[in-house]
PDB file of N, CA and C in Angstrom:
ATOM      1  N   MET A   1      12.718  -0.861  13.054  1.00  0.00           N
ATOM      2  CA  MET A   1      13.526  -0.018  14.091  1.00  0.00           C
ATOM      3  C   MET A   1      13.467  -1.009  15.680  1.00  0.00           C
ATOM      4  N   GLN A   2      14.521  -0.598  16.758  1.00  0.00           N
ATOM      5  CA  GLN A   2      14.427  -1.306  17.695  1.00  0.00           C
ATOM      6  C   GLN A   2      13.848  -0.586  18.969  1.00  0.00           C
ATOM      7  N   ILE A   3      13.081  -1.397  19.971  1.00  0.00           N
ATOM      8  CA  ILE A   3      12.255  -0.949  20.936  1.00  0.00           C
ATOM      9  C   ILE A   3      13.348  -0.646  21.968  1.00  0.00           C
ATOM     10  N   ASP A   4      13.617   0.562  22.496  1.00  0.00           N
ATOM     11  CA  ASP A   4      14.273   0.988  23.806  1.00  0.00           C
ATOM     12  C   ASP A   4      13.482   0.411  25.291  1.00  0.00           C
ATOM     13  N   LYS A   5      14.134  -0.179  25.970  1.00  0.00           N
ATOM     14  CA  LYS A   5      13.609  -0.562  27.192  1.00  0.00           C
ATOM     15  C   LYS A   5      12.915   0.565  28.052  1.00  0.00           C
ATOM     16  N   ALA A   6      13.514   1.680  28.145  1.00  0.00           N
ATOM     17  CA  ALA A   6      13.090   3.186  28.912  1.00  0.00           C
ATOM     18  C   ALA A   6      11.823   3.506  28.179  1.00  0.00           C
ATOM     19  N   LEU A   7      11.858   3.784  26.706  1.00  0.00           N
ATOM     20  CA  LEU A   7      10.733   4.120  26.152  1.00  0.00           C
ATOM     21  C   LEU A   7       9.527   3.127  26.204  1.00  0.00           C
ATOM     22  N   LEU A   8       9.798   1.862  25.797  1.00  0.00           N
ATOM     23  CA  LEU A   8       8.607   1.029  26.371  1.00  0.00           C
ATOM     24  C   LEU A   8       8.031   1.181  27.488  1.00  0.00           C
ATOM     25  N   ALA A   9       8.948   0.992  28.860  1.00  0.00           N
ATOM     26  CA  ALA A   9       8.428   1.486  30.256  1.00  0.00           C
ATOM     27  C   ALA A   9       7.516   2.543  29.952  1.00  0.00           C
ATOM     28  N   SER A  10       7.974   3.897  29.439  1.00  0.00           N
ATOM     29  CA  SER A  10       7.438   5.119  29.707  1.00  0.00           C
ATOM     30  C   SER A  10       5.857   5.192  29.063  1.00  0.00           C
ATOM     31  N   LYS A  11       5.939   4.123  27.862  1.00  0.00           N
ATOM     32  CA  LYS A  11       4.701   4.159  27.145  1.00  0.00           C
ATOM     33  C   LYS A  11       3.663   3.207  27.856  1.00  0.00           C
ATOM     34  N   ILE A  12       4.472   2.139  28.704  1.00  0.00           N
ATOM     35  CA  ILE A  12       3.206   1.453  29.420  1.00  0.00           C
ATOM     36  C   ILE A  12       2.927   2.300  30.390  1.00  0.00           C
ATOM     37  N   LEU A  13       3.592   3.157  31.176  1.00  0.00           N
ATOM     38  CA  LEU A  13       3.234   4.133  32.770  1.00  0.00           C
ATOM     39  C   LEU A  13       2.285   4.989  31.745  1.00  0.00           C
ATOM     40  N   ASP A  14       2.511   5.459  30.718  1.00  0.00           N
ATOM     41  CA  ASP A  14       1.393   6.441  30.193  1.00  0.00           C
ATOM     42  C   ASP A  14       0.162   5.935  29.930  1.00  0.00           C
ATOM     43  N   PHE A  15       0.233   4.595  29.656  1.00  0.00           N
ATOM     44  CA  PHE A  15      -0.960   3.748  29.494  1.00  0.00           C
ATOM     45  C   PHE A  15      -1.708   3.494  31.155  1.00  0.00           C
ATOM     46  N   LEU A  16      -1.061   3.399  31.857  1.00  0.00           N
ATOM     47  CA  LEU A  16      -1.257   3.000  33.365  1.00  0.00           C
ATOM     48  C   LEU A  16      -1.980   4.214  34.050  1.00  0.00           C
ATOM     49  N   ALA A  17      -1.374   5.222  33.386  1.00  0.00           N
ATOM     50  CA  ALA A  17      -1.947   6.664  33.822  1.00  0.00           C
ATOM     51  C   ALA A  17      -3.444   7.151  33.405  1.00  0.00           C
ATOM     52  N   VAL A  18      -3.588   6.284  32.268  1.00  0.00           N
ATOM     53  CA  VAL A  18      -5.135   6.202  31.611  1.00  0.00           C
ATOM     54  C   VAL A  18      -6.319   5.452  32.634  1.00  0.00           C
ATOM     55  N   LEU A  19      -5.339   4.126  32.840  1.00  0.00           N
ATOM     56  CA  LEU A  19      -6.242   3.301  33.420  1.00  0.00           C
ATOM     57  C   LEU A  19      -6.477   3.752  34.961  1.00  0.00           C
ATOM     58  N   HIS A  20      -5.352   4.321  35.653  1.00  0.00           N
ATOM     59  CA  HIS A  20      -5.841   4.806  36.944  1.00  0.00           C
ATOM     60  C   HIS A  20      -6.666   6.011  36.937  1.00  0.00           C
ATOM     61  N   ARG A  21      -7.010   6.734  35.772  1.00  0.00           N
ATOM     62  CA  ARG A  21      -7.696   8.124  35.741  1.00  0.00           C
ATOM     63  C   ARG A  21      -9.123   7.147  35.500  1.00  0.00           C
ATOM     64  N   CYS A  22      -9.205   6.151  34.676  1.00  0.00           N
ATOM     65  CA  CYS A  22     -10.420   5.497  34.315  1.00  0.00           C
ATOM     66  C   CYS A  22     -10.904   5.170  35.675  1.00  0.00           C
ATOM     67  N   HIS A  23     -10.206   4.318  36.336  1.00  0.00           N
ATOM     68  CA  HIS A  23     -10.603   3.503  37.577  1.00  0.00           C
ATOM     69  C   HIS A  23     -11.145   4.733  38.631  1.00  0.00           C
ATOM     70  N   SER A  24     -10.299   6.107  38.781  1.00  0.00           N
ATOM     71  CA  SER A  24     -10.677   6.776  39.525  1.00  0.00           C
ATOM     72  C   SER A  24     -11.863   7.457  39.587  1.00  0.00           C
ATOM     73  N   GLU A  25     -11.895   7.981  38.044  1.00  0.00           N
ATOM     74  CA  GLU A  25     -13.222   8.997  37.694  1.00  0.00           C
ATOM     75  C   GLU A  25     -14.196   8.171  37.116  1.00  0.00           C
ATOM     76  N   THR A  26     -14.488   6.822  36.949  1.00  0.00           N
ATOM     77  CA  THR A  26     -15.500   6.298  36.651  1.00  0.00           C
ATOM     78  C   THR A  26     -16.569   6.590  37.470  1.00  0.00           C
ATOM     79  N   THR A  27     -17.852   6.589  36.708  1.00  0.00           N
ATOM     80  CA  THR A  27     -19.298   6.872  37.564  1.00  0.00           C
ATOM     81  C   THR A  27     -19.971   5.701  37.501  1.00  0.00           C
ATOM     82  N   TYR A  28     -19.326   4.577  37.163  1.00  0.00           N
ATOM     83  CA  TYR A  28     -19.999   3.168  36.917  1.00  0.00           C
ATOM     84  C   TYR A  28     -19.169   2.119  37.867  1.00  0.00           C
ATOM     85  N   THR A  29     -19.976   2.263  39.040  1.00  0.00           N
ATOM     86  CA  THR A  29     -19.005   1.331  39.956  1.00  0.00           C
ATOM     87  C   THR A  29     -18.439   0.191  39.480  1.00  0.00           C
ATOM     88  N   GLN A  30     -19.608  -0.450  38.812  1.00  0.00           N
ATOM     89  CA  GLN A  30     -19.189  -2.088  38.507  1.00  0.00           C
ATOM     90  C   GLN A  30     -17.983  -1.995  37.502  1.00  0.00           C
ATOM     91  N   ASP A  31     -17.473  -0.790  36.809  1.00  0.00           N
ATOM     92  CA  ASP A  31     -16.233  -1.118  35.977  1.00  0.00           C
ATOM     93  C   ASP A  31     -15.199  -1.151  36.783  1.00  0.00           C
ATOM     94  N   ARG A  32     -15.286  -0.612  38.214  1.00  0.00           N
ATOM     95  CA  ARG A  32     -14.028  -0.445  38.753  1.00  0.00           C
ATOM     96  C   ARG A  32     -13.304  -1.678  39.021  1.00  0.00           C
ATOM     97  N   SER A  33     -13.702  -2.795  39.204  1.00  0.00           N
ATOM     98  CA  SER A  33     -12.888  -4.039  39.167  1.00  0.00           C
ATOM     99  C   SER A  33     -12.593  -4.367  38.197  1.00  0.00           C
ATOM    100  N   ILE A  34     -12.919  -4.064  37.032  1.00  0.00           N
ATOM    101  CA  ILE A  34     -12.601  -4.202  35.189  1.00  0.00           C
ATOM    102  C   ILE A  34     -11.132  -3.501  35.350  1.00  0.00           C
ATOM    103  N   TYR A  35     -11.381  -2.228  35.777  1.00  0.00           N
ATOM    104  CA  TYR A  35      -9.967  -1.060  35.479  1.00  0.00           C
ATOM    105  C   TYR A  35      -8.978  -1.793  36.004  1.00  0.00           C
ATOM    106  N   ALA A  36      -9.293  -2.074  37.416  1.00  0.00           N
ATOM    107  CA  ALA A  36      -8.254  -2.841  38.312  1.00  0.00           C
ATOM    108  C   ALA A  36      -7.662  -4.000  37.735  1.00  0.00           C
ATOM    109  N   SER A  37      -8.236  -5.068  37.226  1.00  0.00           N
ATOM    110  CA  SER A  37      -7.729  -6.003  36.517  1.00  0.00           C
ATOM    111  C   SER A  37      -6.956  -5.701  35.256  1.00  0.00           C
ATOM    112  N   ASP A  38      -7.255  -4.256  34.768  1.00  0.00           N
ATOM    113  CA  ASP A  38      -6.383  -3.988  33.567  1.00  0.00           C
ATOM    114  C   ASP A  38      -5.126  -3.306  34.090  1.00  0.00           C
ATOM    115  N   ILE A  39      -4.998  -2.578  35.162  1.00  0.00           N
ATOM    116  CA  ILE A  39      -4.187  -2.312  35.892  1.00  0.00           C
ATOM    117  C   ILE A  39      -2.945  -3.129  35.983  1.00  0.00           C
ATOM    118  N   ALA A  40      -3.640  -3.938  36.727  1.00  0.00           N
ATOM    119  CA  ALA A  40      -2.569  -5.394  37.461  1.00  0.00           C
ATOM    120  C   ALA A  40      -2.134  -6.147  35.974  1.00  0.00           C
ATOM    121  N   THR A  41      -2.970  -6.305  35.071  1.00  0.00           N
ATOM    122  CA  THR A  41      -2.082  -6.532  33.838  1.00  0.00           C
ATOM    123  C   THR A  41      -0.988  -5.687  33.394  1.00  0.00           C
ATOM    124  N   ALA A  42      -1.065  -4.573  33.142  1.00  0.00           N
ATOM    125  CA  ALA A  42      -0.119  -3.746  32.567  1.00  0.00           C
ATOM    126  C   ALA A  42       0.916  -3.604  33.605  1.00  0.00           C
ATOM    127  N   VAL A  43       0.302  -3.973  34.851  1.00  0.00           N
ATOM    128  CA  VAL A  43       1.565  -3.585  35.894  1.00  0.00           C
ATOM    129  C   VAL A  43       2.670  -4.850  35.704  1.00  0.00           C
ATOM    130  N   GLY A  44       1.993  -6.110  35.012  1.00  0.00           N
ATOM    131  CA  GLY A  44       2.731  -7.245  34.684  1.00  0.00           C
ATOM    132  C   GLY A  44       3.680  -7.253  33.912  1.00  0.00           C
ATOM    133  N   TRP A  45       3.137  -6.127  32.995  1.00  0.00           N
ATOM    134  CA  TRP A  45       4.008  -5.919  31.559  1.00  0.00           C
ATOM    135  C   TRP A  45       5.311  -5.203  32.330  1.00  0.00           C
ATOM    136  N   LEU A  46       5.106  -4.206  33.020  1.00  0.00           N
ATOM    137  CA  LEU A  46       6.386  -3.501  33.606  1.00  0.00           C
ATOM    138  C   LEU A  46       7.425  -4.586  34.682  1.00  0.00           C
ATOM    139  N   VAL A  47       6.757  -5.320  35.339  1.00  0.00           N
ATOM    140  CA  VAL A  47       7.702  -6.611  36.038  1.00  0.00           C
ATOM    141  C   VAL A  47       8.323  -7.064  34.918  1.00  0.00           C
ATOM    142  N   LYS A  48       7.525  -7.469  33.978  1.00  0.00           N
ATOM    143  CA  LYS A  48       8.503  -8.579  33.032  1.00  0.00           C
ATOM    144  C   LYS A  48       9.646  -7.821  32.664  1.00  0.00           C
ATOM    145  N   LEU A  49       9.474  -6.388  32.216  1.00  0.00           N
ATOM    146  CA  LEU A  49      10.620  -5.654  31.679  1.00  0.00           C
ATOM    147  C   LEU A  49      11.995  -5.535  32.904  1.00  0.00           C
ATOM    148  N   HIS A  50      11.236  -5.751  34.265  1.00  0.00           N
ATOM    149  CA  HIS A  50      12.032  -5.264  35.284  1.00  0.00           C
ATOM    150  C   HIS A  50      12.712  -6.551  35.628  1.00  0.00           C
ATOM    151  N   GLN A  51      12.354  -7.500  35.253  1.00  0.00           N
ATOM    152  CA  GLN A  51      12.756  -8.934  35.396  1.00  0.00           C
ATOM    153  C   GLN A  51      13.714  -9.265  34.428  1.00  0.00           C
ATOM    154  N   GLY A  52      14.239  -8.600  33.384  1.00  0.00           N
ATOM    155  CA  GLY A  52      14.466  -8.941  32.184  1.00  0.00           C
ATOM    156  C   GLY A  52      14.237  -9.564  31.150  1.00  0.00           C
ATOM    157  N   GLU A  53      12.849  -9.868  30.939  1.00  0.00           N
ATOM    158  CA  GLU A  53      12.314 -10.649  30.180  1.00  0.00           C
ATOM    159  C   GLU A  53      12.637  -9.702  28.532  1.00  0.00           C
ATOM    160  N   ALA A  54      13.064 -10.368  27.495  1.00  0.00           N
ATOM    161  CA  ALA A  54      13.157  -9.746  26.126  1.00  0.00           C
ATOM    162  C   ALA A  54      12.101  -8.772  26.089  1.00  0.00           C
ATOM    163  N   LEU A  55      12.675  -7.738  25.261  1.00  0.00           N
ATOM    164  CA  LEU A  55      11.619  -6.558  24.917  1.00  0.00           C
ATOM    165  C   LEU A  55      10.747  -7.059  23.814  1.00  0.00           C
ATOM    166  N   ASP A  56      11.039  -7.912  22.545  1.00  0.00           N
ATOM    167  CA  ASP A  56      10.240  -8.018  21.493  1.00  0.00           C
ATOM    168  C   ASP A  56       9.456  -8.963  22.629  1.00  0.00           C
ATOM    169  N   ASP A  57       9.614  -9.654  23.305  1.00  0.00           N
ATOM    170  CA  ASP A  57       8.232 -10.947  23.925  1.00  0.00           C
ATOM    171  C   ASP A  57       7.729  -9.758  24.774  1.00  0.00           C
ATOM    172  N   VAL A  58       7.648  -9.037  25.484  1.00  0.00           N
ATOM    173  CA  VAL A  58       6.826  -8.181  25.993  1.00  0.00           C
ATOM    174  C   VAL A  58       5.902  -7.401  25.249  1.00  0.00           C
ATOM    175  N   ALA A  59       6.699  -6.695  24.201  1.00  0.00           N
ATOM    176  CA  ALA A  59       5.882  -6.103  22.987  1.00  0.00           C
ATOM    177  C   ALA A  59       4.800  -6.981  22.345  1.00  0.00           C
ATOM    178  N   LYS A  60       5.607  -8.076  21.906  1.00  0.00           N
ATOM    179  CA  LYS A  60       4.211  -9.159  21.592  1.00  0.00           C
ATOM    180  C   LYS A  60       3.051  -9.141  22.204  1.00  0.00           C
ATOM    181  N   ILE A  61       3.149  -9.531  23.865  1.00  0.00           N
ATOM    182  CA  ILE A  61       2.484 -10.023  24.630  1.00  0.00           C
ATOM    183  C   ILE A  61       1.387  -8.795  24.313  1.00  0.00           C
ATOM    184  N   ILE A  62       1.691  -7.469  24.287  1.00  0.00           N
ATOM    185  CA  ILE A  62       0.866  -5.962  24.524  1.00  0.00           C
ATOM    186  C   ILE A  62      -0.038  -6.092  23.029  1.00  0.00           C
ATOM    187  N   ILE A  63       0.647  -6.521  22.165  1.00  0.00           N
ATOM    188  CA  ILE A  63      -0.016  -6.215  20.874  1.00  0.00           C
ATOM    189  C   ILE A  63      -0.655  -7.453  20.389  1.00  0.00           C
ATOM    190  N   ASP A  64      -0.628  -8.662  21.051  1.00  0.00           N
ATOM    191  CA  ASP A  64      -1.039 -10.138  20.833  1.00  0.00           C
ATOM    192  C   ASP A  64      -2.842  -9.605  20.774  1.00  0.00           C
ATOM    193  N   SER A  65      -3.497 -10.413  19.869  1.00  0.00           N
ATOM    194  CA  SER A  65      -4.833 -10.283  19.807  1.00  0.00           C
ATOM    195  C   SER A  65      -5.528 -10.604  20.981  1.00  0.00           C
ATOM    196  N   SER A  66      -5.178 -11.680  21.721  1.00  0.00           N
ATOM    197  CA  SER A  66      -5.404 -11.927  23.106  1.00  0.00           C
ATOM    198  C   SER A  66      -5.649 -10.705  23.984  1.00  0.00           C
ATOM    199  N   THR A  67      -4.641 -10.006  24.196  1.00  0.00           N
ATOM    200  CA  THR A  67      -4.748  -8.748  24.861  1.00  0.00           C
ATOM    201  C   THR A  67      -5.651  -8.020  24.310  1.00  0.00           C
ATOM    202  N   THR A  68      -5.771  -7.785  23.427  1.00  0.00           N
ATOM    203  CA  THR A  68      -6.588  -6.657  23.016  1.00  0.00           C
ATOM    204  C   THR A  68      -7.893  -7.240  23.234  1.00  0.00           C
ATOM    205  N   LYS A  69      -8.579  -8.305  23.032  1.00  0.00           N
ATOM    206  CA  LYS A  69      -9.701  -9.268  23.529  1.00  0.00           C
ATOM    207  C   LYS A  69      -9.884  -8.933  24.981  1.00  0.00           C
ATOM    208  N   SER A  70      -8.944  -9.218  25.892  1.00  0.00           N
ATOM    209  CA  SER A  70      -8.896  -9.283  27.103  1.00  0.00           C
ATOM    210  C   SER A  70      -9.392  -7.818  27.553  1.00  0.00           C
ATOM    211  N   PHE A  71      -8.919  -6.745  26.946  1.00  0.00           N
ATOM    212  CA  PHE A  71      -9.101  -5.197  27.318  1.00  0.00           C
ATOM    213  C   PHE A  71     -10.261  -4.853  26.788  1.00  0.00           C
ATOM    214  N   THR A  72     -11.057  -5.496  25.764  1.00  0.00           N
ATOM    215  CA  THR A  72     -12.021  -5.075  25.281  1.00  0.00           C
ATOM    216  C   THR A  72     -13.704  -5.861  25.344  1.00  0.00           C
ATOM    217  N   ASP A  73     -13.260  -7.228  25.807  1.00  0.00           N
ATOM    218  CA  ASP A  73     -14.595  -8.023  25.685  1.00  0.00           C
ATOM    219  C   ASP A  73     -15.613  -7.673  26.650  1.00  0.00           C
ATOM    220  N   TYR A  74     -14.916  -6.993  27.639  1.00  0.00           N
ATOM    221  CA  TYR A  74     -15.981  -6.287  28.563  1.00  0.00           C
ATOM    222  C   TYR A  74     -15.707  -5.124  28.030  1.00  0.00           C
ATOM    223  N   TRP A  75     -17.117  -4.232  27.626  1.00  0.00           N
ATOM    224  CA  TRP A  75     -16.975  -2.920  27.383  1.00  0.00           C
ATOM    225  C   TRP A  75     -17.239  -2.179  28.611  1.00  0.00           C
ATOM    226  N   ARG A  76     -16.144  -1.162  28.735  1.00  0.00           N
ATOM    227  CA  ARG A  76     -16.273  -0.203  29.885  1.00  0.00           C
ATOM    228  C   ARG A  76     -17.111   0.667  29.571  1.00  0.00           C
ATOM    229  N   GLN A  77     -17.901   1.222  30.176  1.00  0.00           N
ATOM    230  CA  GLN A  77     -18.879   2.328  30.252  1.00  0.00           C
ATOM    231  C   GLN A  77     -18.542   4.049  30.041  1.00  0.00           C
ATOM    232  N   GLY A  78     -19.187   4.466  29.263  1.00  0.00           N
ATOM    233  CA  GLY A  78     -19.135   5.883  29.113  1.00  0.00           C
ATOM    234  C   GLY A  78     -17.707   6.391  28.618  1.00  0.00           C
ATOM    235  N   ARG A  79     -17.219   7.760  28.933  1.00  0.00           N
ATOM    236  CA  ARG A  79     -16.298   8.224  28.177  1.00  0.00           C
ATOM    237  C   ARG A  79     -15.053   7.658  28.738  1.00  0.00           C
ATOM    238  N   TRP A  80     -14.761   7.041  29.662  1.00  0.00           N
ATOM    239  CA  TRP A  80     -13.786   6.201  30.410  1.00  0.00           C
ATOM    240  C   TRP A  80     -13.358   4.973  29.444  1.00  0.00           C
ATOM    241  N   GLY A  81     -14.482   4.211  29.198  1.00  0.00           N
ATOM    242  CA  GLY A  81     -14.192   2.903  28.480  1.00  0.00           C
ATOM    243  C   GLY A  81     -13.735   3.432  27.227  1.00  0.00           C
ATOM    244  N   ASP A  82     -14.178   4.475  26.355  1.00  0.00           N
ATOM    245  CA  ASP A  82     -13.840   5.353  25.211  1.00  0.00           C
ATOM    246  C   ASP A  82     -12.138   5.629  25.429  1.00  0.00           C
ATOM    247  N   LEU A  83     -12.012   6.154  26.594  1.00  0.00           N
ATOM    248  CA  LEU A  83     -10.277   6.915  26.666  1.00  0.00           C
ATOM    249  C   LEU A  83      -9.509   5.492  26.715  1.00  0.00           C
ATOM    250  N   GLU A  84      -9.637   4.427  27.666  1.00  0.00           N
ATOM    251  CA  GLU A  84      -8.974   3.300  27.762  1.00  0.00           C
ATOM    252  C   GLU A  84      -8.717   2.596  26.493  1.00  0.00           C
ATOM    253  N   ALA A  85      -9.684   2.440  25.630  1.00  0.00           N
ATOM    254  CA  ALA A  85      -9.801   1.770  24.178  1.00  0.00           C
ATOM    255  C   ALA A  85      -9.084   2.639  23.669  1.00  0.00           C
ATOM    256  N   ARG A  86      -9.015   4.077  23.391  1.00  0.00           N
ATOM    257  CA  ARG A  86      -7.885   4.506  22.470  1.00  0.00           C
ATOM    258  C   ARG A  86      -6.659   4.391  23.290  1.00  0.00           C
ATOM    259  N   ALA A  87      -6.419   4.612  24.550  1.00  0.00           N
ATOM    260  CA  ALA A  87      -4.838   4.704  24.965  1.00  0.00           C
ATOM    261  C   ALA A  87      -4.143   3.202  24.518  1.00  0.00           C
ATOM    262  N   LEU A  88      -5.404   2.097  24.768  1.00  0.00           N
ATOM    263  CA  LEU A  88      -4.391   0.446  24.416  1.00  0.00           C
ATOM    264  C   LEU A  88      -4.322   0.776  22.688  1.00  0.00           C
ATOM    265  N   ASN A  89      -5.091   1.480  21.947  1.00  0.00           N
ATOM    266  CA  ASN A  89      -4.573   1.482  20.425  1.00  0.00           C
ATOM    267  C   ASN A  89      -3.618   1.939  20.454  1.00  0.00           C
ATOM    268  N   ASP A  90      -3.549   3.465  20.914  1.00  0.00           N
ATOM    269  CA  ASP A  90      -2.333   4.128  20.730  1.00  0.00           C
ATOM    270  C   ASP A  90      -0.833   3.303  20.874  1.00  0.00           C
ATOM    271  N   LEU A  91      -0.906   2.600  22.202  1.00  0.00           N
ATOM    272  CA  LEU A  91       0.151   2.100  22.941  1.00  0.00           C
ATOM    273  C   LEU A  91       0.468   0.987  21.595  1.00  0.00           C
ATOM    274  N   GLN A  92      -0.849   0.171  21.350  1.00  0.00           N
ATOM    275  CA  GLN A  92      -0.184  -1.001  20.318  1.00  0.00           C
ATOM    276  C   GLN A  92       0.342  -0.228  18.897  1.00  0.00           C
ATOM    277  N   ARG A  93      -0.252   0.805  18.531  1.00  0.00           N
ATOM    278  CA  ARG A  93      -0.211   1.172  17.342  1.00  0.00           C
ATOM    279  C   ARG A  93       1.563   1.747  17.622  1.00  0.00           C
ATOM    280  N   TRP A  94       1.918   2.242  18.587  1.00  0.00           N
ATOM    281  CA  TRP A  94       3.064   2.770  18.748  1.00  0.00           C
ATOM    282  C   TRP A  94       4.319   1.638  18.633  1.00  0.00           C
ATOM    283  N   ILE A  95       4.062   0.273  19.270  1.00  0.00           N
ATOM    284  CA  ILE A  95       4.707  -0.943  19.539  1.00  0.00           C
ATOM    285  C   ILE A  95       4.887  -1.310  17.537  1.00  0.00           C
ATOM    286  N   ARG A  96       3.732  -1.440  17.140  1.00  0.00           N
ATOM    287  CA  ARG A  96       3.935  -2.275  15.798  1.00  0.00           C
ATOM    288  C   ARG A  96       4.442  -1.148  14.974  1.00  0.00           C
ATOM    289  N   SER A  97       4.796   0.043  15.113  1.00  0.00           N
ATOM    290  CA  SER A  97       5.393   0.899  14.518  1.00  0.00           C
ATOM    291  C   SER A  97       6.977   0.906  14.789  1.00  0.00           C
ATOM    292  N   ALA A  98       7.344   0.804  16.165  1.00  0.00           N
ATOM    293  CA  ALA A  98       8.689   0.292  16.468  1.00  0.00           C
ATOM    294  C   ALA A  98       9.474  -0.756  16.304  1.00  0.00           C
ATOM    295  N   ILE A  99       8.303  -1.915  16.514  1.00  0.00           N
ATOM    296  CA  ILE A  99       9.074  -2.888  15.902  1.00  0.00           C
ATOM    297  C   ILE A  99       8.763  -3.644  14.280  1.00  0.00           C
ATOM    298  N   GLY A 100       8.012  -2.549  13.645  1.00  0.00           N
ATOM    299  CA  GLY A 100       7.923  -2.721  12.179  1.00  0.00           C
ATOM    300  C   GLY A 100       7.004  -3.827  11.661  1.00  0.00           C
ATOM    301  N   SER A 101       5.879  -4.069  12.480  1.00  0.00           N
ATOM    302  CA  SER A 101       5.058  -5.298  11.955  1.00  0.00           C
ATOM    303  C   SER A 101       3.978  -4.401  11.769  1.00  0.00           C
TER     304      SER A 101
END
């Protein structure tokens, strides 16, 4: 299966919406800077798409183990940490399905 640019961007935006919610709603002040960093990372994926980087390359960055490590190394507390982890897992699972890996 081939990844559609608009659909990948939409999936990243869905993930960003979750990150924004986590950043805005968390009651753990110390986690806000981590969410802000995560938001910046995901915005970077959108920028790469906008600048014409190959879709497969952006997809591979998102599903790479280093990305998973970056988003899960410091556990975000409470339900917001769980929400972000599920959202990342859903995004990565969708991409793997779309590219057939």
